[in-house]
PDB file of N, CA and C in Angstrom:
ATOM      1  N   UNK A   1      -6.806  71.380 112.625  1.00  0.00           N
ATOM      2  CA  UNK A   1      -6.673  70.169 111.827  1.00  0.00           C
ATOM      3  C   UNK A   1      -7.110  68.901 113.036  1.00  0.00           C
ATOM      4  N   UNK A   2      -6.636  69.539 114.193  1.00  0.00           N
ATOM      5  CA  UNK A   2      -6.578  68.278 115.634  1.00  0.00           C
ATOM      6  C   UNK A   2      -8.363  68.417 115.652  1.00  0.00           C
ATOM      7  N   UNK A   3      -8.977  69.394 115.652  1.00  0.00           N
ATOM      8  CA  UNK A   3     -10.474  69.585 115.810  1.00  0.00           C
ATOM      9  C   UNK A   3     -11.316  68.337 114.955  1.00  0.00           C
ATOM     10  N   UNK A   4     -10.871  68.689 113.775  1.00  0.00           N
ATOM     11  CA  UNK A   4     -11.398  67.920 112.434  1.00  0.00           C
ATOM     12  C   UNK A   4     -11.020  66.505 112.681  1.00  0.00           C
ATOM     13  N   UNK A   5     -10.208  65.868 112.943  1.00  0.00           N
ATOM     14  CA  UNK A   5      -9.806  64.645 113.231  1.00  0.00           C
ATOM     15  C   UNK A   5     -10.422  64.065 114.761  1.00  0.00           C
ATOM     16  N   UNK A   6     -10.443  65.004 115.582  1.00  0.00           N
ATOM     17  CA  UNK A   6     -11.030  64.591 116.632  1.00  0.00           C
ATOM     18  C   UNK A   6     -12.807  64.256 116.301  1.00  0.00           C
ATOM     19  N   UNK A   7     -13.277  65.247 116.054  1.00  0.00           N
ATOM     20  CA  UNK A   7     -14.767  65.232 115.484  1.00  0.00           C
ATOM     21  C   UNK A   7     -15.074  63.660 114.686  1.00  0.00           C
ATOM     22  N   UNK A   8     -14.272  63.746 113.537  1.00  0.00           N
ATOM     23  CA  UNK A   8     -14.141  62.352 112.821  1.00  0.00           C
ATOM     24  C   UNK A   8     -14.044  61.096 113.627  1.00  0.00           C
ATOM     25  N   UNK A   9     -13.101  61.309 114.457  1.00  0.00           N
ATOM     26  CA  UNK A   9     -13.012  59.847 115.376  1.00  0.00           C
ATOM     27  C   UNK A   9     -14.133  59.560 116.188  1.00  0.00           C
ATOM     28  N   UNK A  10     -14.683  60.692 116.706  1.00  0.00           N
ATOM     29  CA  UNK A  10     -15.937  60.583 117.745  1.00  0.00           C
ATOM     30  C   UNK A  10     -17.024  60.280 117.048  1.00  0.00           C
ATOM     31  N   UNK A  11     -17.222  60.801 115.389  1.00  0.00           N
ATOM     32  CA  UNK A  11     -18.193  60.351 114.935  1.00  0.00           C
ATOM     33  C   UNK A  11     -18.244  58.953 114.372  1.00  0.00           C
ATOM     34  N   UNK A  12     -17.074  58.411 114.092  1.00  0.00           N
ATOM     35  CA  UNK A  12     -16.737  56.837 113.658  1.00  0.00           C
ATOM     36  C   UNK A  12     -17.378  56.099 114.988  1.00  0.00           C
ATOM     37  N   UNK A  13     -16.725  56.511 116.159  1.00  0.00           N
ATOM     38  CA  UNK A  13     -17.144  55.701 117.484  1.00  0.00           C
ATOM     39  C   UNK A  13     -18.780  55.798 117.788  1.00  0.00           C
ATOM     40  N   UNK A  14     -19.372  56.964 117.615  1.00  0.00           N
ATOM     41  CA  UNK A  14     -20.707  56.864 117.767  1.00  0.00           C
ATOM     42  C   UNK A  14     -21.529  56.365 116.856  1.00  0.00           C
ATOM     43  N   UNK A  15     -21.150  56.148 115.458  1.00  0.00           N
ATOM     44  CA  UNK A  15     -21.668  55.291 114.622  1.00  0.00           C
ATOM     45  C   UNK A  15     -21.546  53.587 114.852  1.00  0.00           C
ATOM     46  N   UNK A  16     -20.245  53.423 115.172  1.00  0.00           N
ATOM     47  CA  UNK A  16     -20.375  52.081 115.790  1.00  0.00           C
ATOM     48  C   UNK A  16     -21.075  51.619 117.088  1.00  0.00           C
ATOM     49  N   UNK A  17     -21.178  52.575 117.862  1.00  0.00           N
ATOM     50  CA  UNK A  17     -21.785  52.513 119.244  1.00  0.00           C
ATOM     51  C   UNK A  17     -23.342  52.104 118.753  1.00  0.00           C
ATOM     52  N   UNK A  18     -23.932  53.160 118.011  1.00  0.00           N
ATOM     53  CA  UNK A  18     -25.076  53.104 117.561  1.00  0.00           C
ATOM     54  C   UNK A  18     -25.649  51.743 116.737  1.00  0.00           C
ATOM     55  N   UNK A  19     -24.762  51.599 116.115  1.00  0.00           N
ATOM     56  CA  UNK A  19     -24.900  50.255 115.197  1.00  0.00           C
ATOM     57  C   UNK A  19     -25.173  48.798 116.041  1.00  0.00           C
ATOM     58  N   UNK A  20     -24.132  48.676 117.123  1.00  0.00           N
ATOM     59  CA  UNK A  20     -23.989  47.520 118.189  1.00  0.00           C
ATOM     60  C   UNK A  20     -25.461  47.922 119.024  1.00  0.00           C
ATOM     61  N   UNK A  21     -25.686  49.209 119.159  1.00  0.00           N
ATOM     62  CA  UNK A  21     -27.203  49.243 120.299  1.00  0.00           C
ATOM     63  C   UNK A  21     -28.380  48.908 119.232  1.00  0.00           C
ATOM     64  N   UNK A  22     -28.293  49.017 118.092  1.00  0.00           N
ATOM     65  CA  UNK A  22     -29.516  48.565 117.084  1.00  0.00           C
ATOM     66  C   UNK A  22     -29.711  47.069 116.971  1.00  0.00           C
ATOM     67  N   UNK A  23     -28.303  46.568 116.963  1.00  0.00           N
ATOM     68  CA  UNK A  23     -28.169  45.324 116.582  1.00  0.00           C
ATOM     69  C   UNK A  23     -28.758  44.479 117.793  1.00  0.00           C
ATOM     70  N   UNK A  24     -28.545  44.868 118.974  1.00  0.00           N
ATOM     71  CA  UNK A  24     -28.861  44.295 120.618  1.00  0.00           C
ATOM     72  C   UNK A  24     -30.323  44.671 121.018  1.00  0.00           C
ATOM     73  N   UNK A  25     -30.809  45.611 120.297  1.00  0.00           N
ATOM     74  CA  UNK A  25     -32.715  45.950 120.619  1.00  0.00           C
ATOM     75  C   UNK A  25     -33.582  45.317 119.826  1.00  0.00           C
ATOM     76  N   UNK A  26     -33.340  44.471 118.795  1.00  0.00           N
ATOM     77  CA  UNK A  26     -34.187  43.613 117.933  1.00  0.00           C
ATOM     78  C   UNK A  26     -34.936  42.694 118.885  1.00  0.00           C
ATOM     79  N   UNK A  27     -36.156  42.448 118.731  1.00  0.00           N
ATOM     80  CA  UNK A  27     -36.823  41.805 119.666  1.00  0.00           C
ATOM     81  C   UNK A  27     -36.692  40.302 119.230  1.00  0.00           C
ATOM     82  N   UNK A  28     -36.683  39.351 120.071  1.00  0.00           N
ATOM     83  CA  UNK A  28     -36.822  37.895 119.488  1.00  0.00           C
ATOM     84  C   UNK A  28     -38.113  37.660 119.397  1.00  0.00           C
ATOM     85  N   UNK A  29     -38.211  36.663 118.307  1.00  0.00           N
ATOM     86  CA  UNK A  29     -39.749  36.177 118.177  1.00  0.00           C
ATOM     87  C   UNK A  29     -39.844  34.998 119.218  1.00  0.00           C
ATOM     88  N   UNK A  30     -40.794  34.809 119.706  1.00  0.00           N
ATOM     89  CA  UNK A  30     -41.315  33.773 120.594  1.00  0.00           C
ATOM     90  C   UNK A  30     -41.230  32.463 119.819  1.00  0.00           C
ATOM     91  N   UNK A  31     -40.978  31.614 120.311  1.00  0.00           N
ATOM     92  CA  UNK A  31     -40.950  30.098 119.696  1.00  0.00           C
ATOM     93  C   UNK A  31     -42.712  29.713 119.527  1.00  0.00           C
ATOM     94  N   UNK A  32     -43.029  28.981 118.552  1.00  0.00           N
ATOM     95  CA  UNK A  32     -43.983  28.498 118.078  1.00  0.00           C
ATOM     96  C   UNK A  32     -44.253  27.326 118.865  1.00  0.00           C
ATOM     97  N   UNK A  33     -45.583  27.140 119.551  1.00  0.00           N
ATOM     98  CA  UNK A  33     -45.903  26.010 120.069  1.00  0.00           C
ATOM     99  C   UNK A  33     -46.776  25.017 119.601  1.00  0.00           C
ATOM    100  N   UNK A  34     -46.821  23.879 119.536  1.00  0.00           N
ATOM    101  CA  UNK A  34     -47.696  23.086 118.771  1.00  0.00           C
ATOM    102  C   UNK A  34     -49.163  23.176 119.365  1.00  0.00           C
ATOM    103  N   UNK A  35     -50.020  23.180 118.505  1.00  0.00           N
ATOM    104  CA  UNK A  35     -51.300  23.184 119.207  1.00  0.00           C
ATOM    105  C   UNK A  35     -52.107  21.776 119.449  1.00  0.00           C
ATOM    106  N   UNK A  36     -52.514  21.355 120.575  1.00  0.00           N
ATOM    107  CA  UNK A  36     -52.671  19.887 120.826  1.00  0.00           C
ATOM    108  C   UNK A  36     -54.147  20.121 120.566  1.00  0.00           C
ATOM    109  N   UNK A  37     -54.829  21.263 120.971  1.00  0.00           N
ATOM    110  CA  UNK A  37     -56.358  21.150 120.982  1.00  0.00           C
ATOM    111  C   UNK A  37     -56.935  21.814 119.744  1.00  0.00           C
ATOM    112  N   UNK A  38     -57.691  21.052 118.889  1.00  0.00           N
ATOM    113  CA  UNK A  38     -58.184  21.108 117.570  1.00  0.00           C
ATOM    114  C   UNK A  38     -58.992  22.227 117.814  1.00  0.00           C
ATOM    115  N   UNK A  39     -59.658  22.573 118.770  1.00  0.00           N
ATOM    116  CA  UNK A  39     -61.060  23.886 118.836  1.00  0.00           C
ATOM    117  C   UNK A  39     -60.410  25.183 118.886  1.00  0.00           C
ATOM    118  N   UNK A  40     -58.757  25.166 119.103  1.00  0.00           N
ATOM    119  CA  UNK A  40     -58.153  26.664 118.932  1.00  0.00           C
ATOM    120  C   UNK A  40     -58.530  26.795 117.353  1.00  0.00           C
ATOM    121  N   UNK A  41     -58.228  25.906 116.678  1.00  0.00           N
ATOM    122  CA  UNK A  41     -58.184  26.162 115.260  1.00  0.00           C
ATOM    123  C   UNK A  41     -59.595  26.316 114.287  1.00  0.00           C
ATOM    124  N   UNK A  42     -60.486  26.132 114.761  1.00  0.00           N
ATOM    125  CA  UNK A  42     -61.927  25.920 114.308  1.00  0.00           C
ATOM    126  C   UNK A  42     -62.177  27.513 114.517  1.00  0.00           C
ATOM    127  N   UNK A  43     -62.877  27.760 113.236  1.00  0.00           N
ATOM    128  CA  UNK A  43     -63.469  29.069 113.030  1.00  0.00           C
ATOM    129  C   UNK A  43     -64.529  29.196 113.697  1.00  0.00           C
ATOM    130  N   UNK A  44     -65.069  30.511 114.213  1.00  0.00           N
ATOM    131  CA  UNK A  44     -66.229  30.849 115.071  1.00  0.00           C
ATOM    132  C   UNK A  44     -67.320  31.605 114.097  1.00  0.00           C
ATOM    133  N   UNK A  45     -68.374  31.090 114.402  1.00  0.00           N
ATOM    134  CA  UNK A  45     -69.652  31.895 113.310  1.00  0.00           C
ATOM    135  C   UNK A  45     -70.163  32.621 114.318  1.00  0.00           C
ATOM    136  N   UNK A  46     -70.543  34.013 113.893  1.00  0.00           N
ATOM    137  CA  UNK A  46     -71.270  34.824 114.374  1.00  0.00           C
ATOM    138  C   UNK A  46     -72.350  34.881 113.969  1.00  0.00           C
ATOM    139  N   UNK A  47     -73.824  35.116 114.473  1.00  0.00           N
ATOM    140  CA  UNK A  47     -74.849  35.297 113.834  1.00  0.00           C
ATOM    141  C   UNK A  47     -75.182  36.954 113.637  1.00  0.00           C
ATOM    142  N   UNK A  48     -75.758  37.326 112.734  1.00  0.00           N
ATOM    143  CA  UNK A  48     -75.985  38.656 112.490  1.00  0.00           C
ATOM    144  C   UNK A  48     -77.636  38.656 111.895  1.00  0.00           C
ATOM    145  N   UNK A  49     -77.922  39.353 112.853  1.00  0.00           N
ATOM    146  CA  UNK A  49     -79.585  39.745 112.554  1.00  0.00           C
ATOM    147  C   UNK A  49     -79.675  40.624 111.517  1.00  0.00           C
ATOM    148  N   UNK A  50     -80.551  40.470 110.442  1.00  0.00           N
ATOM    149  CA  UNK A  50     -80.747  41.194 109.486  1.00  0.00           C
ATOM    150  C   UNK A  50     -82.057  41.828 109.748  1.00  0.00           C
ATOM    151  N   UNK A  51     -81.936  43.033 109.546  1.00  0.00           N
ATOM    152  CA  UNK A  51     -83.004  44.097 109.855  1.00  0.00           C
ATOM    153  C   UNK A  51     -83.232  44.826 108.456  1.00  0.00           C
ATOM    154  N   UNK A  52     -84.596  44.675 108.165  1.00  0.00           N
ATOM    155  CA  UNK A  52     -85.141  45.218 106.562  1.00  0.00           C
ATOM    156  C   UNK A  52     -84.531  46.795 106.881  1.00  0.00           C
ATOM    157  N   UNK A  53     -84.715  47.661 107.982  1.00  0.00           N
ATOM    158  CA  UNK A  53     -84.618  48.802 107.988  1.00  0.00           C
ATOM    159  C   UNK A  53     -82.936  49.415 107.586  1.00  0.00           C
ATOM    160  N   UNK A  54     -82.167  48.492 107.768  1.00  0.00           N
ATOM    161  CA  UNK A  54     -80.711  48.689 107.794  1.00  0.00           C
ATOM    162  C   UNK A  54     -80.349  48.376 106.347  1.00  0.00           C
ATOM    163  N   UNK A  55     -79.384  49.104 105.767  1.00  0.00           N
ATOM    164  CA  UNK A  55     -78.755  48.581 104.507  1.00  0.00           C
ATOM    165  C   UNK A  55     -77.299  48.675 104.868  1.00  0.00           C
ATOM    166  N   UNK A  56     -76.785  47.740 104.458  1.00  0.00           N
ATOM    167  CA  UNK A  56     -75.184  47.976 104.533  1.00  0.00           C
ATOM    168  C   UNK A  56     -74.404  48.680 103.723  1.00  0.00           C
ATOM    169  N   UNK A  57     -73.453  49.642 104.253  1.00  0.00           N
ATOM    170  CA  UNK A  57     -72.816  50.646 103.854  1.00  0.00           C
ATOM    171  C   UNK A  57     -71.804  50.104 102.694  1.00  0.00           C
ATOM    172  N   UNK A  58     -71.925  50.735 101.655  1.00  0.00           N
ATOM    173  CA  UNK A  58     -71.041  49.997 100.539  1.00  0.00           C
ATOM    174  C   UNK A  58     -69.540  50.148 100.667  1.00  0.00           C
ATOM    175  N   UNK A  59     -68.794  49.178 101.119  1.00  0.00           N
ATOM    176  CA  UNK A  59     -67.470  49.057 101.630  1.00  0.00           C
ATOM    177  C   UNK A  59     -66.323  49.149 100.596  1.00  0.00           C
ATOM    178  N   UNK A  60     -66.821  49.289  99.079  1.00  0.00           N
ATOM    179  CA  UNK A  60     -65.858  49.173  97.846  1.00  0.00           C
ATOM    180  C   UNK A  60     -65.021  50.619  97.898  1.00  0.00           C
ATOM    181  N   UNK A  61     -65.683  51.631  98.428  1.00  0.00           N
ATOM    182  CA  UNK A  61     -64.935  52.994  98.760  1.00  0.00           C
ATOM    183  C   UNK A  61     -63.801  52.968  99.704  1.00  0.00           C
ATOM    184  N   UNK A  62     -64.112  52.299 100.869  1.00  0.00           N
ATOM    185  CA  UNK A  62     -63.461  52.663 102.110  1.00  0.00           C
ATOM    186  C   UNK A  62     -62.693  51.246 102.406  1.00  0.00           C
ATOM    187  N   UNK A  63     -61.622  51.540 103.329  1.00  0.00           N
ATOM    188  CA  UNK A  63     -60.843  50.171 103.896  1.00  0.00           C
ATOM    189  C   UNK A  63     -60.506  50.662 105.199  1.00  0.00           C
ATOM    190  N   UNK A  64     -60.225  49.894 106.181  1.00  0.00           N
ATOM    191  CA  UNK A  64     -59.931  50.301 107.645  1.00  0.00           C
ATOM    192  C   UNK A  64     -58.353  50.710 107.695  1.00  0.00           C
ATOM    193  N   UNK A  65     -58.115  51.587 108.129  1.00  0.00           N
ATOM    194  CA  UNK A  65     -56.532  51.892 108.428  1.00  0.00           C
ATOM    195  C   UNK A  65     -56.388  52.598 109.829  1.00  0.00           C
ATOM    196  N   UNK A  66     -55.608  53.229 110.001  1.00  0.00           N
ATOM    197  CA  UNK A  66     -55.357  53.530 111.623  1.00  0.00           C
ATOM    198  C   UNK A  66     -56.005  54.678 111.732  1.00  0.00           C
ATOM    199  N   UNK A  67     -56.967  55.470 110.989  1.00  0.00           N
ATOM    200  CA  UNK A  67     -57.633  56.663 111.617  1.00  0.00           C
ATOM    201  C   UNK A  67     -58.803  55.999 112.392  1.00  0.00           C
ATOM    202  N   UNK A  68     -58.892  56.843 113.636  1.00  0.00           N
ATOM    203  CA  UNK A  68     -59.847  56.311 114.675  1.00  0.00           C
ATOM    204  C   UNK A  68     -60.793  57.787 115.203  1.00  0.00           C
ATOM    205  N   UNK A  69     -60.416  59.089 114.549  1.00  0.00           N
ATOM    206  CA  UNK A  69     -61.069  60.041 114.972  1.00  0.00           C
ATOM    207  C   UNK A  69     -62.038  60.754 113.802  1.00  0.00           C
ATOM    208  N   UNK A  70     -62.945  61.347 114.732  1.00  0.00           N
ATOM    209  CA  UNK A  70     -63.834  62.200 113.418  1.00  0.00           C
ATOM    210  C   UNK A  70     -63.139  63.322 112.488  1.00  0.00           C
ATOM    211  N   UNK A  71     -62.090  63.903 113.125  1.00  0.00           N
ATOM    212  CA  UNK A  71     -61.227  64.808 112.225  1.00  0.00           C
ATOM    213  C   UNK A  71     -60.634  64.125 111.207  1.00  0.00           C
ATOM    214  N   UNK A  72     -60.501  62.661 111.108  1.00  0.00           N
ATOM    215  CA  UNK A  72     -59.947  62.145 109.958  1.00  0.00           C
ATOM    216  C   UNK A  72     -60.733  61.696 108.875  1.00  0.00           C
ATOM    217  N   UNK A  73     -61.955  61.538 109.321  1.00  0.00           N
ATOM    218  CA  UNK A  73     -62.966  61.479 108.151  1.00  0.00           C
ATOM    219  C   UNK A  73     -63.264  62.299 107.249  1.00  0.00           C
ATOM    220  N   UNK A  74     -63.653  62.253 106.208  1.00  0.00           N
ATOM    221  CA  UNK A  74     -64.107  62.907 105.302  1.00  0.00           C
ATOM    222  C   UNK A  74     -65.814  63.030 104.624  1.00  0.00           C
ATOM    223  N   UNK A  75     -66.385  62.029 105.293  1.00  0.00           N
ATOM    224  CA  UNK A  75     -67.922  62.015 105.040  1.00  0.00           C
ATOM    225  C   UNK A  75     -68.440  61.264 106.225  1.00  0.00           C
ATOM    226  N   UNK A  76     -69.933  61.429 106.175  1.00  0.00           N
ATOM    227  CA  UNK A  76     -70.653  60.628 107.161  1.00  0.00           C
ATOM    228  C   UNK A  76     -70.519  59.295 106.961  1.00  0.00           C
ATOM    229  N   UNK A  77     -70.804  58.865 105.508  1.00  0.00           N
ATOM    230  CA  UNK A  77     -70.828  57.387 104.941  1.00  0.00           C
ATOM    231  C   UNK A  77     -69.422  56.867 105.428  1.00  0.00           C
ATOM    232  N   UNK A  78     -68.215  57.555 105.346  1.00  0.00           N
ATOM    233  CA  UNK A  78     -66.895  57.094 105.705  1.00  0.00           C
ATOM    234  C   UNK A  78     -67.069  56.873 107.395  1.00  0.00           C
ATOM    235  N   UNK A  79     -67.170  57.927 107.899  1.00  0.00           N
ATOM    236  CA  UNK A  79     -67.401  57.391 109.501  1.00  0.00           C
ATOM    237  C   UNK A  79     -68.333  56.209 109.669  1.00  0.00           C
ATOM    238  N   UNK A  80     -69.268  56.422 109.130  1.00  0.00           N
ATOM    239  CA  UNK A  80     -70.120  54.895 109.268  1.00  0.00           C
ATOM    240  C   UNK A  80     -69.602  53.595 108.930  1.00  0.00           C
ATOM    241  N   UNK A  81     -68.702  53.651 107.990  1.00  0.00           N
ATOM    242  CA  UNK A  81     -68.251  52.434 107.468  1.00  0.00           C
ATOM    243  C   UNK A  81     -67.272  51.967 108.643  1.00  0.00           C
ATOM    244  N   UNK A  82     -66.465  53.195 109.088  1.00  0.00           N
ATOM    245  CA  UNK A  82     -65.269  52.844 110.180  1.00  0.00           C
ATOM    246  C   UNK A  82     -66.073  52.302 111.301  1.00  0.00           C
ATOM    247  N   UNK A  83     -66.913  53.074 111.807  1.00  0.00           N
ATOM    248  CA  UNK A  83     -67.773  52.678 113.107  1.00  0.00           C
ATOM    249  C   UNK A  83     -68.100  51.114 113.148  1.00  0.00           C
ATOM    250  N   UNK A  84     -68.854  50.751 111.686  1.00  0.00           N
ATOM    251  CA  UNK A  84     -69.025  49.694 111.775  1.00  0.00           C
ATOM    252  C   UNK A  84     -68.495  48.343 111.322  1.00  0.00           C
ATOM    253  N   UNK A  85     -67.337  48.703 110.975  1.00  0.00           N
ATOM    254  CA  UNK A  85     -66.266  47.629 110.326  1.00  0.00           C
ATOM    255  C   UNK A  85     -64.749  47.681 110.701  1.00  0.00           C
ATOM    256  N   UNK A  86     -64.130  48.684 111.566  1.00  0.00           N
ATOM    257  CA  UNK A  86     -63.036  48.933 112.041  1.00  0.00           C
ATOM    258  C   UNK A  86     -62.698  48.909 113.428  1.00  0.00           C
ATOM    259  N   UNK A  87     -61.455  48.415 113.694  1.00  0.00           N
ATOM    260  CA  UNK A  87     -61.421  48.503 115.238  1.00  0.00           C
ATOM    261  C   UNK A  87     -60.959  49.706 115.990  1.00  0.00           C
ATOM    262  N   UNK A  88     -60.962  50.139 117.021  1.00  0.00           N
ATOM    263  CA  UNK A  88     -60.662  51.171 117.889  1.00  0.00           C
ATOM    264  C   UNK A  88     -61.484  52.451 117.352  1.00  0.00           C
ATOM    265  N   UNK A  89     -62.485  52.384 117.130  1.00  0.00           N
ATOM    266  CA  UNK A  89     -63.544  53.878 116.579  1.00  0.00           C
ATOM    267  C   UNK A  89     -64.511  53.864 117.747  1.00  0.00           C
ATOM    268  N   UNK A  90     -64.556  53.661 118.820  1.00  0.00           N
ATOM    269  CA  UNK A  90     -65.419  53.783 119.722  1.00  0.00           C
ATOM    270  C   UNK A  90     -65.677  55.182 120.194  1.00  0.00           C
ATOM    271  N   UNK A  91     -64.538  56.019 120.138  1.00  0.00           N
ATOM    272  CA  UNK A  91     -64.411  57.481 120.423  1.00  0.00           C
ATOM    273  C   UNK A  91     -65.301  58.286 119.495  1.00  0.00           C
ATOM    274  N   UNK A  92     -65.620  57.855 118.137  1.00  0.00           N
ATOM    275  CA  UNK A  92     -66.290  58.052 117.316  1.00  0.00           C
ATOM    276  C   UNK A  92     -67.693  58.403 117.534  1.00  0.00           C
ATOM    277  N   UNK A  93     -68.226  57.450 118.311  1.00  0.00           N
ATOM    278  CA  UNK A  93     -69.795  57.831 118.848  1.00  0.00           C
ATOM    279  C   UNK A  93     -69.644  58.039 120.263  1.00  0.00           C
ATOM    280  N   UNK A  94     -69.684  59.376 120.468  1.00  0.00           N
ATOM    281  CA  UNK A  94     -69.635  59.497 121.969  1.00  0.00           C
ATOM    282  C   UNK A  94     -70.632  59.407 122.907  1.00  0.00           C
ATOM    283  N   UNK A  95     -71.953  59.349 122.219  1.00  0.00           N
ATOM    284  CA  UNK A  95     -73.261  59.126 122.995  1.00  0.00           C
ATOM    285  C   UNK A  95     -73.598  57.554 122.507  1.00  0.00           C
ATOM    286  N   UNK A  96     -72.913  56.764 122.080  1.00  0.00           N
ATOM    287  CA  UNK A  96     -73.114  55.511 121.813  1.00  0.00           C
ATOM    288  C   UNK A  96     -74.536  54.946 121.363  1.00  0.00           C
ATOM    289  N   UNK A  97     -75.121  55.945 120.324  1.00  0.00           N
ATOM    290  CA  UNK A  97     -76.266  55.723 119.755  1.00  0.00           C
ATOM    291  C   UNK A  97     -76.074  54.995 118.367  1.00  0.00           C
ATOM    292  N   UNK A  98     -75.130  54.959 117.883  1.00  0.00           N
ATOM    293  CA  UNK A  98     -74.736  53.910 116.444  1.00  0.00           C
ATOM    294  C   UNK A  98     -74.396  55.134 115.469  1.00  0.00           C
ATOM    295  N   UNK A  99     -74.837  56.276 115.682  1.00  0.00           N
ATOM    296  CA  UNK A  99     -74.372  57.381 114.604  1.00  0.00           C
ATOM    297  C   UNK A  99     -72.985  58.087 114.839  1.00  0.00           C
ATOM    298  N   UNK A 100     -72.067  57.868 114.183  1.00  0.00           N
ATOM    299  CA  UNK A 100     -70.943  58.596 114.413  1.00  0.00           C
ATOM    300  C   UNK A 100     -70.620  59.989 114.050  1.00  0.00           C
ATOM    301  N   UNK A 101     -69.599  60.808 114.637  1.00  0.00           N
ATOM    302  CA  UNK A 101     -69.325  61.908 114.163  1.00  0.00           C
ATOM    303  C   UNK A 101     -70.677  63.101 113.980  1.00  0.00           C
ATOM    304  N   UNK A 102     -71.355  62.753 114.959  1.00  0.00           N
ATOM    305  CA  UNK A 102     -72.524  63.974 114.529  1.00  0.00           C
ATOM    306  C   UNK A 102     -72.418  65.169 114.586  1.00  0.00           C
ATOM    307  N   UNK A 103     -71.223  65.523 115.689  1.00  0.00           N
ATOM    308  CA  UNK A 103     -70.861  67.126 115.336  1.00  0.00           C
ATOM    309  C   UNK A 103     -70.463  67.577 114.066  1.00  0.00           C
ATOM    310  N   UNK A 104     -69.528  66.610 113.362  1.00  0.00           N
ATOM    311  CA  UNK A 104     -68.752  66.823 112.442  1.00  0.00           C
ATOM    312  C   UNK A 104     -69.598  66.428 111.098  1.00  0.00           C
ATOM    313  N   UNK A 105     -70.048  65.396 110.969  1.00  0.00           N
ATOM    314  CA  UNK A 105     -70.246  64.661 109.692  1.00  0.00           C
ATOM    315  C   UNK A 105     -71.753  64.360 109.497  1.00  0.00           C
ATOM    316  N   UNK A 106     -72.137  63.678 110.759  1.00  0.00           N
ATOM    317  CA  UNK A 106     -73.480  63.016 110.708  1.00  0.00           C
ATOM    318  C   UNK A 106     -74.635  63.754 111.619  1.00  0.00           C
ATOM    319  N   UNK A 107     -74.527  64.976 111.131  1.00  0.00           N
ATOM    320  CA  UNK A 107     -75.738  65.623 111.915  1.00  0.00           C
ATOM    321  C   UNK A 107     -76.937  65.557 110.651  1.00  0.00           C
ATOM    322  N   UNK A 108     -77.846  66.621 110.966  1.00  0.00           N
ATOM    323  CA  UNK A 108     -79.142  66.587 110.463  1.00  0.00           C
ATOM    324  C   UNK A 108     -78.939  66.809 108.816  1.00  0.00           C
ATOM    325  N   UNK A 109     -77.971  67.813 108.599  1.00  0.00           N
ATOM    326  CA  UNK A 109     -77.586  68.509 107.445  1.00  0.00           C
ATOM    327  C   UNK A 109     -77.006  67.628 106.433  1.00  0.00           C
ATOM    328  N   UNK A 110     -75.875  66.752 107.328  1.00  0.00           N
ATOM    329  CA  UNK A 110     -75.126  65.680 106.397  1.00  0.00           C
ATOM    330  C   UNK A 110     -75.738  64.255 106.461  1.00  0.00           C
ATOM    331  N   UNK A 111     -76.553  64.006 107.444  1.00  0.00           N
ATOM    332  CA  UNK A 111     -76.792  62.497 107.971  1.00  0.00           C
ATOM    333  C   UNK A 111     -77.223  61.717 106.652  1.00  0.00           C
ATOM    334  N   UNK A 112     -76.290  60.896 106.220  1.00  0.00           N
ATOM    335  CA  UNK A 112     -76.921  59.812 105.487  1.00  0.00           C
ATOM    336  C   UNK A 112     -76.203  58.533 106.172  1.00  0.00           C
ATOM    337  N   UNK A 113     -75.833  58.634 107.423  1.00  0.00           N
ATOM    338  CA  UNK A 113     -75.433  57.242 108.313  1.00  0.00           C
ATOM    339  C   UNK A 113     -76.394  56.378 108.240  1.00  0.00           C
ATOM    340  N   UNK A 114     -76.102  54.957 108.251  1.00  0.00           N
ATOM    341  CA  UNK A 114     -76.853  53.986 108.204  1.00  0.00           C
ATOM    342  C   UNK A 114     -76.504  52.986 109.513  1.00  0.00           C
ATOM    343  N   UNK A 115     -77.177  53.153 110.399  1.00  0.00           N
ATOM    344  CA  UNK A 115     -76.672  52.257 111.526  1.00  0.00           C
ATOM    345  C   UNK A 115     -76.963  50.677 111.453  1.00  0.00           C
ATOM    346  N   UNK A 116     -75.886  50.087 111.765  1.00  0.00           N
ATOM    347  CA  UNK A 116     -76.076  48.574 111.663  1.00  0.00           C
ATOM    348  C   UNK A 116     -76.239  47.789 112.860  1.00  0.00           C
ATOM    349  N   UNK A 117     -76.202  48.809 114.064  1.00  0.00           N
ATOM    350  CA  UNK A 117     -76.692  48.204 115.604  1.00  0.00           C
ATOM    351  C   UNK A 117     -77.558  49.318 115.977  1.00  0.00           C
ATOM    352  N   UNK A 118     -78.837  49.097 115.594  1.00  0.00           N
ATOM    353  CA  UNK A 118     -79.621  49.887 116.211  1.00  0.00           C
ATOM    354  C   UNK A 118     -80.103  49.906 117.950  1.00  0.00           C
TER     355      UNK A 118
END
């Protein structure tokens, strides 16, 4: 009975300590400062060259998420969408020729990739 009470008391103390620790580790949000320069709030327009030989990849089937490796893709079309539209996908195009996942998906037998940056 003494052991059960000791374990119970230690569990309560540990739980209380953990709750205190969690309450103290919440990061504080930085104060929002006023923007004095209107240029910082103006949108930036980027020009994109339109090449007749390139067709945009249909993006209705895909959306950017945390995937960034070829092994996480399911097709050449999906990999091409990711490399053209999503951040942190540079490692999917090892030789930097604009064709992603050449070993897994976009090789000669599977190739349906559309390069947007020739």
